[in-house]
Protein backbone atom coordinates (compact mmCIF):
# COMPACT_ATOMS: atom_id res chain seq x y z
CA MET A 1 41.30 14.77 -40.59
CA ALA A 2 40.18 13.30 -43.89
CA ALA A 3 39.18 16.70 -45.24
CA ALA A 4 42.48 18.26 -44.13
CA PHE A 5 44.41 15.46 -45.83
CA LEU A 6 42.41 15.71 -49.05
CA ASN A 7 42.89 19.48 -49.10
CA GLY A 8 46.66 19.02 -48.74
CA ASN A 9 46.76 20.54 -45.23
CA LEU A 10 47.74 17.38 -43.36
CA ASP A 11 50.81 15.17 -43.64
CA LEU A 12 49.83 11.67 -42.58
CA ALA A 13 53.47 10.71 -42.04
CA THR A 14 53.75 13.15 -39.14
CA THR A 15 50.21 13.00 -37.74
CA ASN A 16 49.35 11.12 -34.56
CA ILE A 17 46.85 8.30 -34.81
CA GLN A 18 43.47 9.14 -33.28
CA ARG A 19 41.21 6.26 -32.42
CA VAL A 20 37.43 6.52 -32.46
CA GLY A 21 35.99 5.53 -29.11
CA VAL A 22 32.27 5.68 -29.82
CA PHE A 23 30.58 5.07 -33.14
CA ASP A 24 27.23 4.06 -34.62
CA TYR A 25 26.29 1.59 -37.34
CA PHE A 26 23.98 2.91 -40.05
CA ILE A 27 22.13 0.54 -42.37
CA ASN A 28 19.74 0.77 -45.29
CA ARG A 29 17.82 -2.48 -45.40
CA ALA A 30 16.18 -1.70 -48.76
CA GLY A 31 19.59 -0.96 -50.30
CA ALA A 32 21.05 -4.13 -48.86
CA ALA A 33 18.13 -6.18 -50.20
CA ALA A 34 18.50 -4.60 -53.67
CA GLN A 35 22.12 -5.80 -53.70
CA GLY A 36 21.22 -9.27 -52.48
CA ILE A 37 22.81 -8.71 -49.07
CA GLU A 38 21.16 -10.26 -46.03
CA LEU A 39 21.96 -8.30 -42.87
CA PRO A 40 22.35 -10.36 -39.71
CA GLN A 41 19.77 -9.68 -37.02
CA SER A 42 22.55 -8.84 -34.56
CA LEU A 43 23.54 -5.89 -36.78
CA ILE A 44 19.94 -4.79 -37.34
CA ASP A 45 19.37 -4.80 -33.58
CA ARG A 46 22.22 -2.37 -32.84
CA ALA A 47 22.16 -0.21 -36.00
CA ILE A 48 20.38 3.01 -36.85
CA ASP A 49 18.08 2.19 -39.77
CA GLN A 50 18.36 4.78 -42.57
CA THR A 51 16.00 2.96 -44.94
CA PRO A 52 13.93 5.57 -46.82
């Protein structure tokens, strides 16, 4: 949907809302640390770690 909108092929005013039912959290712990962000353990436990 985002690509269609950005390409000018979708009118958001007339498009039905679609809700995401299942999703994943992705984290990069090294990136977070470099920015001074401390990730809560509850997020780390359920996220997919993309740290290089």
